[in-house]
Protein backbone atom coordinates (compact mmCIF):
# COMPACT_ATOMS: atom_id res chain seq x y z
CA MET A 1 0.37 0.08 0.24
CA SER A 2 1.40 3.66 -1.32
CA ILE A 3 0.20 6.84 1.11
CA SER A 4 1.13 9.76 0.23
CA ALA A 5 0.29 13.26 1.51
CA PHE A 6 -3.04 14.51 1.24
CA HIS A 7 -3.76 17.39 -0.73
CA PRO A 8 -7.58 18.04 -1.35
CA PRO A 9 -9.19 19.63 -4.61
CA LEU A 10 -10.21 23.43 -4.27
CA ARG A 11 -14.32 23.18 -4.22
CA THR A 12 -16.78 25.94 -3.30
CA LEU A 13 -18.71 25.04 -0.56
CA MET A 14 -22.03 25.89 -1.07
CA GLY A 15 -23.63 22.52 0.99
CA PRO A 16 -25.57 23.11 4.71
CA GLY A 17 -21.79 22.89 6.41
CA PRO A 18 -18.74 23.34 6.02
CA SER A 19 -19.00 26.96 4.42
CA ASP A 20 -15.50 27.95 2.18
CA VAL A 21 -13.02 29.09 4.94
CA PRO A 22 -11.11 32.28 3.70
CA PRO A 23 -7.26 32.64 2.97
CA ARG A 24 -6.94 34.61 5.99
CA ILE A 25 -8.44 32.44 8.51
CA LEU A 26 -6.26 29.55 6.73
CA GLU A 27 -3.68 31.62 7.38
CA ALA A 28 -4.20 32.26 11.25
CA LEU A 29 -4.36 28.26 11.79
CA SER A 30 -1.02 28.00 10.01
CA ARG A 31 1.03 30.01 12.80
CA PRO A 32 3.48 28.72 15.18
CA THR A 33 1.55 26.49 17.98
CA ILE A 34 2.43 27.66 21.58
CA GLY A 35 1.61 26.11 24.94
CA HIS A 36 -2.24 26.31 25.91
CA LEU A 37 -1.61 27.77 28.96
CA ASP A 38 1.11 30.34 27.94
CA HIS A 39 -0.21 33.91 28.84
CA ARG A 40 -0.05 34.94 24.92
CA PHE A 41 -2.82 31.99 24.47
CA ILE A 42 -4.51 32.69 27.95
CA ASP A 43 -5.17 36.63 26.24
CA LEU A 44 -6.21 35.00 23.21
CA MET A 45 -8.47 32.86 25.09
CA ASP A 46 -10.10 36.21 26.53
CA GLU A 47 -10.33 37.99 23.23
CA VAL A 48 -12.01 34.59 21.89
CA LYS A 49 -14.62 35.22 24.64
CA THR A 50 -15.29 39.18 24.37
CA LEU A 51 -16.03 38.64 20.76
CA LEU A 52 -18.05 35.50 20.52
CA GLN A 53 -20.38 37.68 22.97
CA TYR A 54 -20.19 40.12 20.44
CA VAL A 55 -21.27 37.66 17.95
CA MET A 56 -23.87 36.60 19.78
CA GLN A 57 -25.61 39.68 21.38
CA THR A 58 -24.65 38.72 25.10
CA GLU A 59 -22.94 39.61 28.22
CA ASN A 60 -22.77 36.34 29.65
CA ALA A 61 -19.93 35.77 31.77
CA LEU A 62 -20.34 31.78 30.57
CA THR A 63 -19.52 32.15 26.70
CA MET A 64 -16.55 30.02 25.50
CA PRO A 65 -15.83 27.63 22.46
CA ILE A 66 -16.14 24.14 23.79
CA SER A 67 -13.29 22.15 22.14
CA ALA A 68 -15.29 20.22 19.68
CA PRO A 69 -17.81 19.94 17.35
CA GLY A 70 -20.87 21.34 17.47
CA SER A 71 -22.82 18.31 18.44
CA ALA A 72 -20.31 18.39 21.57
CA GLY A 73 -22.26 21.78 21.99
CA MET A 74 -25.43 20.10 22.33
CA GLU A 75 -24.81 17.73 24.77
CA ALA A 76 -22.86 20.01 26.70
CA CYS A 77 -25.96 21.73 27.34
CA PHE A 78 -28.45 18.95 28.23
CA VAL A 79 -25.64 17.28 30.61
CA ASN A 80 -25.35 20.52 32.63
CA LEU A 81 -29.02 21.70 32.62
CA VAL A 82 -30.66 18.16 32.43
CA GLU A 83 -31.09 15.71 35.44
CA PRO A 84 -32.50 12.32 35.79
CA GLY A 85 -36.49 12.22 35.80
CA ASP A 86 -36.81 16.06 34.93
CA LYS A 87 -39.09 16.03 32.52
CA VAL A 88 -37.90 17.98 29.04
CA ILE A 89 -40.19 19.96 26.15
CA VAL A 90 -38.38 19.38 22.98
CA CYS A 91 -39.94 21.02 19.67
CA GLN A 92 -39.39 19.04 16.67
CA ASN A 93 -39.42 20.20 12.84
CA GLY A 94 -36.38 18.22 11.79
CA VAL A 95 -33.72 16.17 12.17
CA PHE A 96 -31.95 17.91 14.78
CA GLY A 97 -34.82 17.76 17.04
CA GLY A 98 -34.75 14.41 16.96
CA ARG A 99 -31.38 14.61 18.29
CA MET A 100 -32.38 16.71 20.98
CA LYS A 101 -34.79 13.85 22.36
CA GLU A 102 -31.64 11.82 22.34
CA ASN A 103 -29.90 13.68 24.63
CA VAL A 104 -32.73 14.11 27.05
CA GLU A 105 -33.00 10.26 27.15
CA ARG A 106 -29.24 9.54 27.64
CA CYS A 107 -29.31 12.18 30.86
CA GLY A 108 -31.94 9.82 32.41
CA ALA A 109 -35.23 12.56 31.80
CA HIS A 110 -38.41 12.43 30.29
CA PRO A 111 -38.73 14.35 26.32
CA ILE A 112 -41.79 15.69 25.72
CA MET A 113 -42.18 15.79 22.14
CA VAL A 114 -43.35 19.03 19.90
CA HIS A 115 -44.35 18.00 16.25
CA ASP A 116 -44.31 19.87 13.67
CA ALA A 117 -44.05 19.25 9.78
CA TRP A 118 -40.77 19.51 8.02
CA GLY A 119 -40.26 22.69 6.72
CA SER A 120 -42.55 24.33 9.02
CA ALA A 121 -41.37 27.01 11.83
CA VAL A 122 -41.98 25.62 15.71
CA ASP A 123 -45.58 26.53 15.96
CA PRO A 124 -45.89 28.60 19.61
CA GLN A 125 -49.40 27.51 20.40
CA LYS A 126 -48.51 23.53 20.10
CA LEU A 127 -45.41 24.37 22.65
CA GLU A 128 -48.03 26.92 25.39
CA ASP A 129 -50.48 23.75 25.24
CA ALA A 130 -47.21 21.55 25.89
CA LEU A 131 -46.12 23.47 29.19
CA VAL A 132 -49.93 23.67 30.25
CA ALA A 133 -50.32 19.99 29.95
CA ASN A 134 -46.65 19.18 31.82
CA PRO A 135 -46.40 22.02 34.76
CA ASP A 136 -43.89 20.08 36.10
CA THR A 137 -41.53 20.78 32.72
CA SER A 138 -37.95 22.39 33.59
CA VAL A 139 -36.58 22.88 30.65
CA VAL A 140 -37.59 24.00 26.87
CA ALA A 141 -35.64 22.67 24.42
CA PHE A 142 -35.90 23.99 20.13
CA VAL A 143 -33.77 24.75 16.81
CA HIS A 144 -33.63 28.20 15.98
CA ALA A 145 -32.49 27.42 12.69
CA GLU A 146 -33.18 23.83 11.26
CA THR A 147 -29.87 22.90 9.08
CA SER A 148 -32.00 20.20 7.68
CA THR A 149 -34.89 21.88 6.41
CA GLY A 150 -34.05 25.47 6.30
CA ALA A 151 -36.85 26.77 8.67
CA GLN A 152 -36.70 29.57 11.05
CA SER A 153 -38.33 29.70 14.12
CA ASP A 154 -39.22 32.56 16.26
CA ALA A 155 -36.80 31.89 19.34
CA ARG A 156 -38.21 35.06 21.14
CA THR A 157 -41.57 34.27 21.49
CA LEU A 158 -40.82 30.52 22.43
CA VAL A 159 -38.30 31.53 25.04
CA GLU A 160 -41.12 33.82 26.38
CA LEU A 161 -43.51 31.33 26.54
CA ALA A 162 -40.91 28.84 28.58
CA HIS A 163 -39.78 31.80 30.86
CA LYS A 164 -43.41 32.48 31.41
CA HIS A 165 -44.10 28.87 32.63
CA HIS A 166 -40.80 28.68 34.57
CA CYS A 167 -38.63 26.51 32.35
CA LEU A 168 -34.80 26.94 31.03
CA THR A 169 -34.55 26.98 27.54
CA ILE A 170 -31.52 25.52 25.59
CA VAL A 171 -31.40 26.86 21.40
CA ASP A 172 -29.45 25.20 18.80
CA ALA A 173 -28.15 28.13 16.96
CA VAL A 174 -25.80 25.97 14.38
CA THR A 175 -26.11 27.44 12.13
CA SER A 176 -27.93 30.81 12.74
CA LEU A 177 -25.08 32.26 14.86
CA ALA A 178 -23.62 35.44 12.49
CA GLY A 179 -26.28 34.54 9.24
CA THR A 180 -29.77 35.75 10.58
CA PRO A 181 -30.56 37.94 13.23
CA LEU A 182 -29.59 36.25 17.09
CA LYS A 183 -29.84 38.34 20.37
CA VAL A 184 -29.07 36.18 23.47
CA ASP A 185 -29.71 39.08 26.11
CA GLU A 186 -32.45 40.96 24.30
CA TRP A 187 -34.45 37.29 24.31
CA GLU A 188 -33.51 35.63 27.60
CA ILE A 189 -32.10 32.34 25.69
CA ASP A 190 -30.41 30.38 28.69
CA ALA A 191 -28.56 28.33 27.12
CA LEU A 192 -27.43 28.26 23.75
CA TYR A 193 -24.95 26.51 21.22
CA SER A 194 -23.61 26.40 17.50
CA GLY A 195 -20.68 25.43 15.43
CA THR A 196 -17.92 27.59 13.96
CA GLN A 197 -18.05 25.86 10.26
CA LYS A 198 -21.50 28.17 9.16
CA CYS A 199 -22.05 31.24 9.13
CA LEU A 200 -18.30 31.92 10.74
CA SER A 201 -16.55 30.21 8.05
CA CYS A 202 -13.82 28.69 10.20
CA VAL A 203 -12.59 25.21 10.25
CA PRO A 204 -15.18 22.77 11.99
CA GLY A 205 -14.60 21.19 15.14
CA ILE A 206 -15.25 24.17 18.19
CA ALA A 207 -18.68 24.54 19.25
CA PRO A 208 -19.72 28.10 20.61
CA VAL A 209 -22.00 27.92 23.78
CA SER A 210 -23.18 30.71 26.26
CA PHE A 211 -24.78 30.37 29.69
CA SER A 212 -27.63 33.15 31.27
CA ASP A 213 -27.05 33.35 34.93
CA ARG A 214 -29.92 31.62 35.47
CA ALA A 215 -28.54 28.28 33.49
CA ARG A 216 -25.51 28.64 35.95
CA HIS A 217 -27.28 28.82 39.21
CA LYS A 218 -28.97 25.74 37.72
CA ILE A 219 -25.22 24.77 37.23
CA SER A 220 -23.83 25.32 40.25
CA ASN A 221 -27.01 23.63 41.88
CA ARG A 222 -27.45 20.44 40.58
CA ARG A 223 -29.11 17.42 42.72
CA HIS A 224 -26.83 15.02 40.61
CA LYS A 225 -23.12 15.23 39.45
CA VAL A 226 -22.81 16.46 35.60
CA GLN A 227 -22.38 13.26 33.96
CA SER A 228 -19.67 13.86 31.35
CA TRP A 229 -16.66 15.03 33.12
CA PHE A 230 -15.26 17.01 30.29
CA LEU A 231 -18.36 18.96 29.54
CA ASP A 232 -19.22 19.63 32.84
CA MET A 233 -19.07 23.68 33.03
CA ASN A 234 -18.09 23.38 37.15
CA LEU A 235 -14.97 22.44 35.88
CA ILE A 236 -14.68 24.34 32.82
CA MET A 237 -15.44 27.30 33.93
CA GLY A 238 -12.10 27.27 35.94
CA TYR A 239 -10.28 27.05 32.13
CA TRP A 240 -12.30 29.66 30.83
CA GLY A 241 -12.54 31.80 33.49
CA GLN A 242 -11.04 35.36 33.46
CA GLY A 243 -7.53 36.58 34.02
CA THR A 244 -4.64 34.57 34.04
CA ARG A 245 -5.15 31.99 36.81
CA ARG A 246 -6.39 29.28 34.89
CA ALA A 247 -7.17 25.38 36.01
CA TYR A 248 -5.95 22.95 33.63
CA HIS A 249 -8.70 20.94 32.16
CA HIS A 250 -8.13 19.66 28.62
CA THR A 251 -5.41 20.86 26.06
CA ALA A 252 -7.67 23.69 23.94
CA PRO A 253 -6.70 23.06 19.86
CA VAL A 254 -4.65 25.78 19.61
CA ASN A 255 -3.96 26.43 15.99
CA ALA A 256 -8.01 26.20 15.77
CA MET A 257 -8.40 28.78 18.56
CA TYR A 258 -6.13 31.06 16.47
CA ALA A 259 -8.53 30.07 13.24
CA LEU A 260 -12.00 30.43 15.47
CA HIS A 261 -10.25 34.49 16.65
CA GLU A 262 -9.40 35.42 13.20
CA ALA A 263 -13.15 34.20 11.99
CA LEU A 264 -14.99 36.53 14.77
CA MET A 265 -12.77 39.60 14.44
CA MET A 266 -13.52 39.13 10.70
CA VAL A 267 -17.72 39.33 11.59
CA HIS A 268 -16.82 42.44 14.22
CA GLU A 269 -14.59 44.28 11.70
CA GLU A 270 -17.61 43.83 9.04
CA GLY A 271 -20.66 44.39 11.67
CA ILE A 272 -23.05 41.54 12.96
CA GLU A 273 -25.61 43.90 11.54
CA ASN A 274 -24.15 44.20 8.53
CA ALA A 275 -23.53 40.60 8.00
CA TRP A 276 -27.10 39.58 8.52
CA GLU A 277 -27.66 42.08 5.78
CA ARG A 278 -25.66 40.45 3.31
CA HIS A 279 -26.69 36.87 3.85
CA ARG A 280 -30.13 38.51 3.41
CA ARG A 281 -29.37 40.42 0.20
CA ASN A 282 -27.41 37.04 -1.20
CA HIS A 283 -30.40 34.62 -0.31
CA LEU A 284 -32.74 37.20 -2.49
CA ALA A 285 -30.61 37.28 -5.48
CA LEU A 286 -30.38 33.19 -5.53
CA LYS A 287 -34.11 32.88 -4.67
CA ALA A 288 -34.72 35.21 -7.77
CA GLY A 289 -32.66 33.26 -9.84
CA LEU A 290 -34.58 29.59 -8.78
CA GLU A 291 -37.71 31.05 -8.82
CA ALA A 292 -37.03 32.07 -12.48
CA MET A 293 -35.74 28.44 -13.49
CA GLY A 294 -39.24 27.50 -11.60
CA ILE A 295 -37.46 26.02 -8.86
CA ARG A 296 -40.03 25.95 -5.77
CA PHE A 297 -38.69 26.68 -2.29
CA ILE A 298 -40.13 24.12 0.47
CA VAL A 299 -40.24 26.43 3.27
CA ASP A 300 -43.00 29.29 3.38
CA GLU A 301 -41.15 32.66 2.75
CA ALA A 302 -42.14 34.19 6.53
CA HIS A 303 -39.87 31.50 7.78
CA ARG A 304 -37.13 30.79 5.14
CA LEU A 305 -33.38 30.88 6.38
CA PRO A 306 -31.59 33.33 4.03
CA GLN A 307 -28.54 30.75 4.24
CA LEU A 308 -29.91 27.75 4.19
CA ASN A 309 -32.05 26.97 0.83
CA ALA A 310 -34.07 24.28 0.74
CA ILE A 311 -35.17 23.62 -2.52
CA ALA A 312 -37.44 21.01 -4.15
CA ILE A 313 -35.80 18.57 -7.00
CA PRO A 314 -37.59 19.15 -9.99
CA GLU A 315 -39.66 16.12 -11.00
CA GLY A 316 -38.02 12.68 -12.88
CA VAL A 317 -34.35 14.51 -11.62
CA ASP A 318 -31.41 11.96 -10.18
CA ASP A 319 -30.45 13.85 -6.87
CA ALA A 320 -27.14 12.48 -6.21
CA ALA A 321 -26.09 12.59 -10.63
CA VAL A 322 -26.67 16.41 -10.39
CA ARG A 323 -24.83 17.00 -7.04
CA ARG A 324 -22.35 14.57 -8.52
CA ARG A 325 -21.57 16.19 -11.78
CA LEU A 326 -21.70 19.90 -10.27
CA LEU A 327 -18.92 18.38 -7.78
CA ASP A 328 -17.04 17.02 -10.19
CA GLU A 329 -17.52 19.27 -13.62
CA HIS A 330 -17.92 22.55 -11.40
CA HIS A 331 -15.89 21.86 -8.30
CA LEU A 332 -19.30 22.91 -6.46
CA GLU A 333 -20.81 20.98 -3.48
CA ILE A 334 -24.61 21.51 -2.71
CA GLY A 335 -26.42 19.17 -0.14
CA ALA A 336 -28.69 16.53 -0.13
CA GLY A 337 -31.74 16.22 1.92
CA LEU A 338 -31.84 14.53 5.67
CA GLY A 339 -34.12 12.49 7.00
CA ASP A 340 -37.79 13.28 5.83
CA LEU A 341 -36.58 15.03 2.91
CA ALA A 342 -34.20 12.62 1.64
CA GLY A 343 -34.09 12.27 -2.25
CA LYS A 344 -36.60 15.38 -2.56
CA VAL A 345 -34.73 18.17 -1.93
CA TRP A 346 -31.69 20.26 -2.36
CA ARG A 347 -29.72 22.49 0.38
CA ILE A 348 -28.29 25.23 -1.22
CA GLY A 349 -26.02 27.31 1.94
CA LEU A 350 -25.43 31.03 1.54
CA MET A 351 -23.53 30.79 4.60
CA GLY A 352 -20.45 33.27 5.79
CA TYR A 353 -17.59 33.26 3.21
CA SER A 354 -19.69 31.12 0.76
CA SER A 355 -22.42 33.88 0.74
CA ARG A 356 -20.74 35.93 -2.11
CA ILE A 357 -21.62 37.18 -5.38
CA GLU A 358 -18.74 35.04 -7.11
CA THR A 359 -20.84 31.90 -5.22
CA ILE A 360 -24.28 32.96 -6.24
CA THR A 361 -23.68 33.51 -9.98
CA LEU A 362 -21.50 30.02 -9.93
CA CYS A 363 -24.27 28.11 -8.46
CA LEU A 364 -26.73 29.42 -10.79
CA ALA A 365 -24.72 28.80 -14.24
CA ALA A 366 -23.47 25.53 -12.97
CA LEU A 367 -27.32 24.37 -11.71
CA ASP A 368 -28.71 25.75 -15.00
CA GLY A 369 -26.01 24.04 -17.40
CA VAL A 370 -26.63 20.35 -15.66
CA LEU A 371 -30.06 20.94 -15.62
CA ALA A 372 -30.25 22.17 -19.51
CA ASP A 373 -28.04 19.22 -20.10
CA ILE A 374 -30.40 16.54 -19.16
CA ASP A 375 -33.09 18.08 -20.51
CA ALA A 376 -34.72 18.94 -17.12
CA PRO A 377 -38.23 20.57 -16.94
CA VAL A 378 -36.83 23.82 -15.78
CA ASN A 379 -36.59 27.49 -17.32
CA HIS A 380 -32.91 27.60 -18.81
CA GLY A 381 -31.13 30.87 -19.46
CA VAL A 382 -32.98 32.92 -17.02
CA ALA A 383 -31.56 32.79 -13.87
CA LEU A 384 -27.96 35.12 -13.66
CA PRO A 385 -30.54 37.76 -15.38
CA ALA A 386 -33.01 37.40 -12.49
CA ALA A 387 -30.29 37.09 -9.85
CA GLU A 388 -28.08 39.86 -10.96
CA LYS A 389 -31.12 42.35 -11.29
CA ILE A 390 -31.83 41.73 -7.62
CA LEU A 391 -27.54 42.44 -7.48
CA ALA A 392 -27.73 45.41 -9.14
CA ALA A 393 -30.87 46.99 -7.11
C-alpha cells in the first residue's frame, strides 16, 4: 500500500456546512503553535470570549468555545441543565430536534415531544399547550435554524413562553449564528450552542456556547453530578475564566483557536448587523434566480432561512447524479436532503464566506447548465439575469 500526502481539491462549498474557509483564516491556522497555558494564548482566549459575546449579542460571563464540534456543544447544554427524572419539552421540526430528544433520554430525563411538519417553523401555540399539560417541565429545547429544512422559528416568542411557565431554554443556533438575527440577552435565552463551520466560516471542530445567570445557578445547584467529565461546566469554568490564573482542564486546540479568533475578528470588522444583511441580500438574489428557473422553495417565505435554502428537486431529476456532476465538473458542493426530505430536496448554503456574489453566480450557472444538459423541466438561461437584477438594485 502506497500512502502519500493528502492534497484536497479546491471546492466551492455551498452545502449545509462546512462553508468555504477564507484564506485569512487558513493563514491564521498555520501560525506557530504555543502552549495552551502560555500567557499569550490566555490573552487570546479572553479575546475569543469577548468576540463571541459580541457575535451572540450577550454579556453572559459563561460564554466560550467548547473544544469539540457543534454536537458536543449540544451535549454540553443538555448534560449540564438536565438531570435524571426531569421533564423536558423538545420541539421537533426536522432532524436536529430528534437529536435533542436523544440527549434528553441519555440524561435519564423524560422528553415531551412537540412535533411540527418538516419545513415549518415551531408552532408557539403547540408549545404553550404542552407547557400547560405538563406543568412540571423544567426545560424547553428547540432549534432556532433547522439545518435539515431551512426553516427558522421565532426564538424570542418560544423563550418567552418557556419563561412564563418557569422553564429554562436550550437553543440550537448552529446555523443561525452570524447569519440571521440572534440576540441572546434581548431574547433572554438561557443556554445556546453553535458551530464554527457555518456562518462564521471557520474550520469545523469547535462549538461556541453561552449560559445565562439562570442557567449557571442551575448548574451550580444540581442534585446529581454532571454525567460528562469533559463537558462539566463546573470544571470548564475554571479553565475559561477571566485573568491569568487558569485551572488545567484539557489541552485546547491551539491552532483552531487562532482560526476562530480570526473568524470572529472578521465578523466584528464587518459588523454583525451588516453580516445579517449580507446573508439576507444574497439570499434574495439566489431566490430570484432559482424561482426564475421554476424551482420551488419548500419553506414559506416568512420562516425561510437566508443562509440555508432548501429547494424541491425538479420532477424526474436524479438527485445524486446532479450533485455529483456539480462536484466533478464545477467543483461545487450542494447538500442532499436529510431524513424525511432525503431524495426530495437540495440544500444550498449561503453561509459566511460562501455568501458572496461570485458563489451565487457560479451556483446558478452550474445548476442551469447541468439541468439543461439532462433536459430537466425547468426554465433555462433566465437564472443569472434574474439574480443580477436583484444584486444591482
